């Protein structure tokens, strides 16, 4: 009887283990996750905090699927170079890679990125109810679509927010600005309070250092939020030296000259982030993903004092930036690669990771207690949700052309000359257009 009883307990234990395993599998949808057991996948990713989190989780995917994953991290410049070499050669060395929004068309138009919809629609590979692609806001998911093909699945949704000092705004009875006119008015009131000795902080600054990834980025994004683009890349037309172009450059540079701290005529994002964290600024337009600069209690003097609202807009929207996961069209393991992309962007993993990086692409995460607890405020969360649904443009032209860098370098160089007091706005816009004409643009007829 004892032997029989022991056998019963043994069988019961096995059944219990099977039930637990089945429950764990059901948490990952109704597909066979081990159907490609023994496959090896190579992944190339940009070295950044969210990628480090992903890399730390890869062992969990390997345990779930039996697929071996080699996860390589490189700085973004080297990642792109290595990715392009692999894509163009057709070797298919890397099965999966992350892709930044500005690289989407560069990689998609030559056919380097696999169309993902067939994998989404295959019930052997995707439990659509569990994966819930509809959890992505329309404009966020559109960031992964080239033409009519879904070529990458977003895992971040990034854009600008207006950061403001809640304590200062409360002291002065100010409301965060929603329009360019309001931004100028609030900046003037903050500057007046500083001169009167009521506050020490400077009102506002944007990036002023020339360069496509510095002042050029902020200048072009500011213009886009105001319904204007300096150039039409499709038809190769410059609108820089037009009344509207002059107005935008004047708006941008006047704010920087009148309300920025001394010595800020060549500030980069690093300078602005540091100044904000050290309590030297009352307002900043900064990326939503950069909130950690301000909220680190060990390094920031303003942790817990910052408010976050959508940036001032008028007749335009903020350019969307996403990071997404894509499959190499020349991969020899595309279905296994899809399992990895699906896992990397799954509701399960994004839910777990979102509190660590703040700007997930899935909207359901924003209402979860663990995410809410990790974020600076409900205002921050609400502002992100509003931006994803109402305030972002997934089709910003200048982000989807390889000429952006050269053009933004030229225009931002002239913007910097205005901030430095070397040129007038009119002269700078005229000189910027002359430089654009030299590289193939036509001046607009207005």
Protein backbone atom coordinates (compact mmCIF):
# COMPACT_ATOMS: atom_id res chain seq x y z
CA UNK A 1 0.00 0.00 0.00
CA UNK A 2 2.84 2.40 0.80
CA UNK A 3 4.35 1.77 -2.64
CA UNK A 4 0.98 2.29 -4.26
CA UNK A 5 0.43 5.48 -2.27
CA UNK A 6 3.87 6.74 -3.28
CA UNK A 7 3.09 6.03 -6.94
CA UNK A 8 -0.18 7.97 -6.66
CA UNK A 9 1.65 10.93 -5.15
CA UNK A 10 4.27 10.75 -7.88
CA UNK A 11 1.63 10.73 -10.65
CA UNK A 12 -0.24 13.54 -8.92
CA UNK A 13 2.95 15.57 -8.77
CA UNK A 14 3.61 15.04 -12.47
CA UNK A 15 0.06 16.12 -13.34
CA UNK A 16 0.42 19.22 -11.16
CA UNK A 17 3.67 20.17 -12.90
CA UNK A 18 2.01 19.70 -16.30
CA UNK A 19 -0.92 21.88 -15.22
CA UNK A 20 1.45 24.63 -14.05
CA UNK A 21 3.41 24.42 -17.31
CA UNK A 22 0.19 24.59 -19.30
CA UNK A 23 -0.89 27.63 -17.31
CA UNK A 24 2.46 29.31 -17.97
CA UNK A 25 2.16 28.56 -21.70
CA UNK A 26 -1.40 29.91 -21.75
CA UNK A 27 -0.02 33.21 -20.46
CA UNK A 28 1.87 33.43 -23.76
CA UNK A 29 -1.06 32.77 -26.05
CA UNK A 30 -2.37 29.68 -27.79
CA UNK A 31 0.53 28.77 -30.10
CA UNK A 32 3.32 26.21 -30.00
CA UNK A 33 6.30 28.21 -28.76
CA UNK A 34 8.69 25.23 -29.10
CA UNK A 35 7.90 24.49 -32.77
CA UNK A 36 11.33 25.83 -33.80
CA UNK A 37 13.30 24.33 -30.92
CA UNK A 38 17.01 24.06 -31.77
CA UNK A 39 17.01 27.06 -34.13
CA UNK A 40 19.63 29.77 -33.65
CA UNK A 41 18.83 33.47 -34.17
CA UNK A 42 21.22 36.40 -34.43
CA UNK A 43 19.97 39.78 -33.18
CA UNK A 44 21.57 43.20 -33.70
CA UNK A 45 20.48 46.06 -31.45
CA UNK A 46 21.49 49.61 -30.59
CA UNK A 47 23.19 49.91 -27.22
CA UNK A 48 20.77 51.92 -25.06
CA UNK A 49 19.07 51.31 -21.70
CA UNK A 50 15.99 49.59 -23.10
CA UNK A 51 18.18 47.23 -25.17
CA UNK A 52 20.12 46.28 -22.06
CA UNK A 53 16.83 45.35 -20.39
CA UNK A 54 15.88 43.27 -23.42
CA UNK A 55 19.23 41.49 -23.39
CA UNK A 56 18.78 40.58 -19.73
CA UNK A 57 15.46 38.89 -20.60
CA UNK A 58 16.61 36.81 -23.57
CA UNK A 59 17.25 33.73 -21.44
CA UNK A 60 13.51 33.66 -20.68
CA UNK A 61 12.72 33.49 -24.41
CA UNK A 62 15.27 30.72 -24.86
CA UNK A 63 13.66 28.75 -22.03
CA UNK A 64 10.16 29.29 -23.46
CA UNK A 65 11.05 28.31 -27.03
CA UNK A 66 14.24 26.25 -27.06
CA UNK A 67 15.64 28.78 -29.56
CA UNK A 68 19.20 30.01 -29.03
CA UNK A 69 19.60 33.79 -29.38
CA UNK A 70 22.85 35.66 -29.95
CA UNK A 71 22.09 39.25 -28.89
CA UNK A 72 24.69 41.78 -30.08
CA UNK A 73 24.75 45.42 -28.94
CA UNK A 74 26.54 48.23 -30.81
CA UNK A 75 26.40 52.01 -30.69
CA UNK A 76 23.80 53.33 -33.10
CA UNK A 77 26.22 54.44 -35.82
CA UNK A 78 27.98 51.07 -35.89
CA UNK A 79 24.66 49.21 -35.62
CA UNK A 80 23.35 50.95 -38.70
CA UNK A 81 26.54 50.39 -40.69
CA UNK A 82 26.66 46.68 -39.86
CA UNK A 83 22.95 46.29 -40.54
CA UNK A 84 23.24 47.96 -43.95
CA UNK A 85 26.19 45.79 -44.95
CA UNK A 86 24.25 42.66 -44.01
CA UNK A 87 21.07 43.83 -45.74
CA UNK A 88 22.78 44.95 -48.94
CA UNK A 89 24.91 41.80 -49.22
CA UNK A 90 21.87 39.53 -48.89
CA UNK A 91 23.79 37.27 -46.50
CA UNK A 92 21.10 37.35 -43.82
CA UNK A 93 23.60 37.18 -40.96
CA UNK A 94 21.20 38.95 -38.59
CA UNK A 95 17.68 37.57 -38.39
CA UNK A 96 16.24 40.34 -36.24
CA UNK A 97 17.33 43.93 -35.58
CA UNK A 98 15.97 47.04 -33.99
CA UNK A 99 15.35 49.91 -36.40
CA UNK A 100 15.02 53.60 -35.60
CA UNK A 101 12.22 55.51 -37.29
CA UNK A 102 14.59 57.59 -39.43
CA UNK A 103 16.07 54.39 -40.93
CA UNK A 104 12.69 52.88 -41.83
CA UNK A 105 12.45 53.96 -45.47
CA UNK A 106 16.18 53.61 -45.99
CA UNK A 107 15.81 49.91 -45.18
CA UNK A 108 12.25 49.26 -46.34
CA UNK A 109 12.29 50.77 -49.84
CA UNK A 110 15.06 48.46 -51.13
CA UNK A 111 13.10 45.50 -49.71
CA UNK A 112 15.49 44.72 -46.87
CA UNK A 113 12.74 44.33 -44.23
CA UNK A 114 10.26 41.47 -44.19
CA UNK A 115 6.54 42.27 -44.34
CA UNK A 116 5.15 41.15 -40.97
CA UNK A 117 1.40 40.97 -41.64
CA UNK A 118 1.50 37.38 -42.97
CA UNK A 119 3.04 36.26 -39.68
CA UNK A 120 0.45 38.16 -37.67
CA UNK A 121 -2.30 36.47 -39.70
CA UNK A 122 -0.90 32.93 -39.35
CA UNK A 123 -2.68 31.20 -36.42
CA UNK A 124 0.18 28.71 -36.08
CA UNK A 125 2.51 31.59 -35.31
CA UNK A 126 0.30 34.21 -33.62
CA UNK A 127 -2.60 34.11 -31.20
CA UNK A 128 -4.13 37.39 -32.38
CA UNK A 129 -6.47 37.73 -29.40
CA UNK A 130 -3.58 37.38 -26.98
CA UNK A 131 -1.08 39.49 -28.95
CA UNK A 132 -3.70 42.25 -29.48
CA UNK A 133 -2.15 44.46 -32.15
CA UNK A 134 -5.04 46.88 -31.54
CA UNK A 135 -3.36 47.80 -28.26
CA UNK A 136 -1.09 50.05 -30.33
CA UNK A 137 -2.48 53.55 -30.97
CA UNK A 138 -3.09 53.98 -34.69
CA UNK A 139 -0.46 56.68 -35.17
CA UNK A 140 2.15 54.73 -33.19
CA UNK A 141 1.68 51.55 -35.20
CA UNK A 142 1.77 53.64 -38.38
CA UNK A 143 5.38 54.40 -37.52
CA UNK A 144 6.17 50.80 -38.43
CA UNK A 145 4.35 50.86 -41.78
CA UNK A 146 6.14 51.58 -45.05
CA UNK A 147 3.75 52.08 -47.95
CA UNK A 148 1.11 49.50 -47.14
CA UNK A 149 3.42 47.03 -45.38
CA UNK A 150 4.01 46.61 -41.66
CA UNK A 151 7.80 46.22 -41.56
CA UNK A 152 8.54 46.72 -37.88
CA UNK A 153 6.68 46.52 -34.58
CA UNK A 154 7.25 49.54 -32.30
CA UNK A 155 8.42 49.07 -28.74
CA UNK A 156 8.88 52.76 -27.86
CA UNK A 157 6.80 55.83 -28.66
CA UNK A 158 8.86 59.00 -28.33
CA UNK A 159 8.06 62.69 -28.85
CA UNK A 160 8.47 66.01 -27.07
CA UNK A 161 6.72 67.22 -23.94
CA UNK A 162 6.91 70.60 -22.25
CA UNK A 163 8.68 70.22 -18.91
CA UNK A 164 7.83 72.94 -16.40
CA UNK A 165 8.54 73.66 -12.74
CA UNK A 166 5.30 73.11 -10.86
CA UNK A 167 6.49 75.03 -7.80
CA UNK A 168 7.43 78.10 -9.83
CA UNK A 169 4.22 78.08 -11.86
CA UNK A 170 2.21 77.76 -8.64
CA UNK A 171 4.13 80.62 -7.01
CA UNK A 172 3.50 82.91 -9.99
CA UNK A 173 -0.03 81.63 -10.68
CA UNK A 174 0.92 80.57 -14.22
CA UNK A 175 -0.67 77.95 -16.47
CA UNK A 176 1.46 75.79 -18.80
CA UNK A 177 1.31 77.23 -22.34
CA UNK A 178 -0.54 75.38 -25.09
CA UNK A 179 0.24 77.61 -28.09
CA UNK A 180 3.31 79.48 -29.38
CA UNK A 181 1.78 82.81 -28.32
CA UNK A 182 1.14 81.50 -24.82
CA UNK A 183 4.71 80.15 -24.67
CA UNK A 184 6.12 83.62 -25.42
CA UNK A 185 3.78 85.24 -22.89
CA UNK A 186 4.66 82.78 -20.11
CA UNK A 187 8.38 83.09 -20.85
CA UNK A 188 8.10 86.87 -20.57
CA UNK A 189 6.35 86.62 -17.20
CA UNK A 190 8.99 84.18 -15.92
CA UNK A 191 11.77 86.52 -17.04
CA UNK A 192 10.06 89.46 -15.34
CA UNK A 193 9.83 87.44 -12.12
CA UNK A 194 13.51 86.56 -12.38
CA UNK A 195 14.51 90.21 -12.83
CA UNK A 196 12.30 91.16 -9.86
CA UNK A 197 14.09 88.59 -7.71
CA UNK A 198 11.04 86.37 -7.19
CA UNK A 199 12.74 83.38 -8.85
CA UNK A 200 16.32 82.55 -9.87
CA UNK A 201 15.57 80.23 -12.79
CA UNK A 202 15.79 81.27 -16.44
CA UNK A 203 12.55 80.99 -18.37
CA UNK A 204 13.29 78.81 -21.39
CA UNK A 205 15.88 77.48 -23.80
CA UNK A 206 15.98 75.24 -26.86
CA UNK A 207 18.97 73.48 -28.37
CA UNK A 208 21.08 76.12 -30.10
CA UNK A 209 24.15 74.16 -31.18
CA UNK A 210 24.03 73.64 -34.94
CA UNK A 211 23.76 70.11 -36.28
CA UNK A 212 21.04 67.78 -37.49
CA UNK A 213 20.84 65.89 -34.19
CA UNK A 214 21.13 69.00 -32.00
CA UNK A 215 19.61 72.41 -32.81
CA UNK A 216 18.49 71.18 -36.22
CA UNK A 217 16.27 68.54 -34.65
CA UNK A 218 14.59 70.93 -32.22
CA UNK A 219 14.19 73.64 -34.86
CA UNK A 220 12.60 71.30 -37.41
CA UNK A 221 10.33 69.74 -34.78
CA UNK A 222 9.25 73.15 -33.51
CA UNK A 223 8.39 74.21 -37.06
CA UNK A 224 6.43 70.99 -37.67
CA UNK A 225 4.36 71.56 -34.52
CA UNK A 226 3.50 74.96 -35.98
CA UNK A 227 2.37 73.49 -39.30
CA UNK A 228 5.50 74.34 -41.29
CA UNK A 229 8.40 72.47 -42.90
CA UNK A 230 11.50 74.28 -44.06
CA UNK A 231 11.76 72.16 -47.19
CA UNK A 232 9.69 69.80 -49.31
CA UNK A 233 11.98 66.81 -49.80
CA UNK A 234 9.72 65.17 -52.37
CA UNK A 235 9.63 68.10 -54.80
CA UNK A 236 12.98 69.56 -53.63
CA UNK A 237 11.56 73.00 -52.78
CA UNK A 238 12.92 75.29 -50.05
CA UNK A 239 10.49 77.39 -48.03
CA UNK A 240 13.21 78.65 -45.71
CA UNK A 241 13.40 82.18 -47.09
CA UNK A 242 9.66 82.81 -47.06
CA UNK A 243 7.63 84.97 -44.65
CA UNK A 244 6.62 81.85 -42.72
CA UNK A 245 10.18 80.51 -42.64
CA UNK A 246 11.46 83.84 -41.34
CA UNK A 247 8.65 83.91 -38.76
CA UNK A 248 9.54 80.44 -37.44
CA UNK A 249 13.28 81.13 -37.21
CA UNK A 250 12.53 84.43 -35.48
CA UNK A 251 10.17 82.73 -33.00
CA UNK A 252 12.76 80.07 -32.17
CA UNK A 253 15.78 82.36 -31.87
CA UNK A 254 13.96 85.14 -30.00
CA UNK A 255 13.01 82.69 -27.24
CA UNK A 256 16.59 81.45 -26.94
CA UNK A 257 18.19 84.91 -26.97
CA UNK A 258 15.72 86.61 -24.65
CA UNK A 259 15.05 83.91 -22.08
CA UNK A 260 17.97 81.47 -22.11
CA UNK A 261 20.83 81.46 -19.58
CA UNK A 262 24.08 83.32 -20.36
CA UNK A 263 26.41 81.19 -22.45
CA UNK A 264 23.62 79.04 -23.89
CA UNK A 265 24.20 80.08 -27.52
CA UNK A 266 25.84 76.72 -28.26
CA UNK A 267 23.95 74.40 -25.95
CA UNK A 268 23.45 70.74 -26.80
CA UNK A 269 20.83 68.42 -25.34
CA UNK A 270 23.35 67.32 -22.69
CA UNK A 271 23.74 70.94 -21.55
CA UNK A 272 19.98 71.51 -21.42
CA UNK A 273 19.26 68.28 -19.55
CA UNK A 274 21.94 69.07 -16.99
CA UNK A 275 20.71 72.66 -16.52
CA UNK A 276 17.13 71.47 -16.04
CA UNK A 277 18.17 68.82 -13.52
CA UNK A 278 20.23 71.36 -11.58
CA UNK A 279 17.24 73.68 -11.25
CA UNK A 280 18.39 76.43 -13.60
CA UNK A 281 15.40 76.40 -15.97
CA UNK A 282 11.69 76.98 -15.48
CA UNK A 283 10.58 75.44 -18.80
CA UNK A 284 12.14 73.06 -21.34
CA UNK A 285 10.82 71.20 -24.35
CA UNK A 286 12.30 67.74 -23.85
CA UNK A 287 11.76 64.16 -24.93
CA UNK A 288 9.30 62.05 -22.95
CA UNK A 289 11.88 59.28 -22.69
CA UNK A 290 14.29 61.66 -20.92
CA UNK A 291 12.16 62.18 -17.81
CA UNK A 292 14.68 60.14 -15.83
CA UNK A 293 17.15 63.05 -16.09
CA UNK A 294 14.87 65.05 -13.86
CA UNK A 295 13.41 62.43 -11.56
CA UNK A 296 16.57 60.75 -10.28
CA UNK A 297 16.60 61.77 -6.61
CA UNK A 298 20.31 61.01 -6.37
CA UNK A 299 21.39 63.48 -9.06
CA UNK A 300 18.53 65.90 -9.76
CA UNK A 301 17.64 68.95 -7.69
CA UNK A 302 14.16 69.08 -9.20
CA UNK A 303 12.98 65.49 -8.68
CA UNK A 304 9.29 65.62 -7.83
CA UNK A 305 9.01 69.29 -8.81
CA UNK A 306 8.51 68.89 -12.55
CA UNK A 307 5.28 68.96 -14.50
CA UNK A 308 4.81 67.48 -17.98
CA UNK A 309 2.30 68.58 -20.61
CA UNK A 310 2.08 68.38 -24.43
CA UNK A 311 4.36 70.90 -26.15
CA UNK A 312 2.87 74.10 -27.57
CA UNK A 313 1.32 73.39 -30.98
CA UNK A 314 -0.61 75.27 -33.62
CA UNK A 315 -1.76 73.77 -36.93
CA UNK A 316 0.69 70.90 -36.62
CA UNK A 317 1.78 67.89 -34.61
CA UNK A 318 4.98 66.66 -33.03
CA UNK A 319 7.10 64.29 -35.13
CA UNK A 320 6.86 60.73 -33.82
CA UNK A 321 10.00 58.75 -33.13
CA UNK A 322 9.84 55.00 -32.55
CA UNK A 323 12.22 52.12 -32.10
CA UNK A 324 10.87 48.93 -33.59
CA UNK A 325 11.85 45.30 -34.15
CA UNK A 326 12.19 44.06 -37.74
CA UNK A 327 12.99 40.81 -39.55
CA UNK A 328 15.67 40.65 -42.21
CA UNK A 329 14.03 39.75 -45.54
CA UNK A 330 17.01 37.44 -46.20
CA UNK A 331 16.80 35.63 -42.86
CA UNK A 332 16.85 31.85 -43.18
CA UNK A 333 14.74 31.50 -40.03
CA UNK A 334 11.88 33.95 -40.59
CA UNK A 335 9.16 32.10 -38.70
CA UNK A 336 11.39 31.58 -35.67
CA UNK A 337 12.44 35.22 -35.99
CA UNK A 338 8.77 36.23 -35.88
CA UNK A 339 8.35 34.35 -32.60
CA UNK A 340 11.15 36.48 -31.20
CA UNK A 341 9.72 39.75 -32.54
CA UNK A 342 6.31 38.76 -31.19
CA UNK A 343 7.82 37.97 -27.79
CA UNK A 344 9.86 41.20 -27.70
CA UNK A 345 6.72 43.28 -28.37
CA UNK A 346 4.25 41.09 -26.48
CA UNK A 347 1.84 42.47 -23.89
CA UNK A 348 3.55 40.25 -21.31
CA UNK A 349 7.06 41.56 -21.80
CA UNK A 350 6.13 45.19 -22.44
CA UNK A 351 4.07 45.15 -19.24
CA UNK A 352 7.09 43.92 -17.33
CA UNK A 353 9.57 46.31 -18.93
CA UNK A 354 7.53 49.50 -19.24
CA UNK A 355 8.17 50.79 -15.69
CA UNK A 356 11.90 50.67 -16.49
CA UNK A 357 11.86 52.93 -19.56
CA UNK A 358 8.66 54.93 -19.40
CA UNK A 359 7.57 55.28 -23.04
CA UNK A 360 6.12 51.94 -24.18
CA UNK A 361 4.28 51.75 -27.49
CA UNK A 362 1.37 49.73 -26.08
CA UNK A 363 -1.32 51.95 -24.54
CA UNK A 364 -2.79 49.39 -22.10
CA UNK A 365 0.41 49.52 -20.05
CA UNK A 366 -0.27 53.13 -19.05
CA UNK A 367 -3.12 52.13 -16.74
CA UNK A 368 -1.31 49.35 -14.88
CA UNK A 369 -0.58 49.96 -11.17
CA UNK A 370 3.09 49.01 -11.44
CA UNK A 371 3.62 51.44 -14.31
CA UNK A 372 1.72 54.25 -12.61
CA UNK A 373 3.78 53.73 -9.45
CA UNK A 374 7.06 54.00 -11.38
CA UNK A 375 6.22 57.19 -13.29
CA UNK A 376 6.68 60.76 -11.99
CA UNK A 377 2.99 61.68 -11.99
CA UNK A 378 -0.41 60.98 -13.47
CA UNK A 379 0.00 64.21 -15.44
CA UNK A 380 3.05 62.70 -17.15
CA UNK A 381 1.09 59.55 -18.01
CA UNK A 382 -1.98 61.47 -19.23
CA UNK A 383 0.18 63.74 -21.39
CA UNK A 384 1.79 60.74 -23.06
CA UNK A 385 -1.56 59.11 -23.72
CA UNK A 386 -2.89 62.35 -25.19
CA UNK A 387 0.15 62.69 -27.44
CA UNK A 388 -0.12 59.11 -28.72
CA UNK A 389 -3.78 59.55 -29.59
CA UNK A 390 -3.81 63.19 -30.72
CA UNK A 391 -0.44 64.90 -30.92
CA UNK A 392 2.00 62.88 -33.03
CA UNK A 393 2.67 62.68 -36.75
CA UNK A 394 3.88 59.25 -37.95
CA UNK A 395 4.50 60.52 -41.49
CA UNK A 396 6.88 63.41 -40.85
CA UNK A 397 8.61 63.85 -44.19
CA UNK A 398 11.98 65.02 -42.94
CA UNK A 399 12.40 61.93 -40.78
CA UNK A 400 12.04 59.60 -43.72
CA UNK A 401 14.68 60.90 -46.10
CA UNK A 402 18.46 60.46 -46.00
CA UNK A 403 18.82 64.15 -46.97
CA UNK A 404 17.48 65.36 -43.63
CA UNK A 405 20.90 65.44 -42.00
CA UNK A 406 22.51 67.60 -44.67
CA UNK A 407 19.55 69.99 -44.84
CA UNK A 408 19.18 70.35 -41.07
CA UNK A 409 22.92 70.98 -40.74
CA UNK A 410 22.68 73.89 -43.19
CA UNK A 411 19.57 75.48 -41.71
CA UNK A 412 20.61 75.04 -38.08
CA UNK A 413 24.00 76.59 -38.81
CA UNK A 414 22.20 79.77 -39.82
CA UNK A 415 19.87 79.55 -36.80
CA UNK A 416 22.94 79.37 -34.57
CA UNK A 417 24.40 82.46 -36.24
CA UNK A 418 21.24 84.39 -35.30
CA UNK A 419 21.39 83.24 -31.67
CA UNK A 420 25.06 84.22 -31.53
CA UNK A 421 24.22 87.69 -32.85
CA UNK A 422 26.26 87.25 -36.03
CA UNK A 423 23.35 87.53 -38.49
CA UNK A 424 19.84 88.86 -38.65
CA UNK A 425 17.01 86.40 -39.11
CA UNK A 426 16.41 87.68 -42.64
CA UNK A 427 20.06 87.28 -43.64
CA UNK A 428 20.25 83.83 -42.07
CA UNK A 429 17.17 82.56 -43.93
CA UNK A 430 18.46 84.00 -47.18
CA UNK A 431 21.85 82.34 -46.68
CA UNK A 432 20.27 79.03 -45.69
CA UNK A 433 18.21 78.98 -48.87
CA UNK A 434 21.26 79.82 -50.99
CA UNK A 435 23.06 76.85 -49.44
CA UNK A 436 20.05 74.59 -50.08
CA UNK A 437 19.92 75.68 -53.73
CA UNK A 438 23.56 74.59 -54.10
CA UNK A 439 22.60 71.03 -53.12
CA UNK A 440 19.66 70.80 -55.52
CA UNK A 441 16.67 72.57 -53.97
CA UNK A 442 14.58 75.19 -55.73
CA UNK A 443 13.39 78.36 -54.03
CA UNK A 444 9.63 78.51 -53.59
CA UNK A 445 7.70 81.06 -55.61
CA UNK A 446 5.61 83.14 -53.19
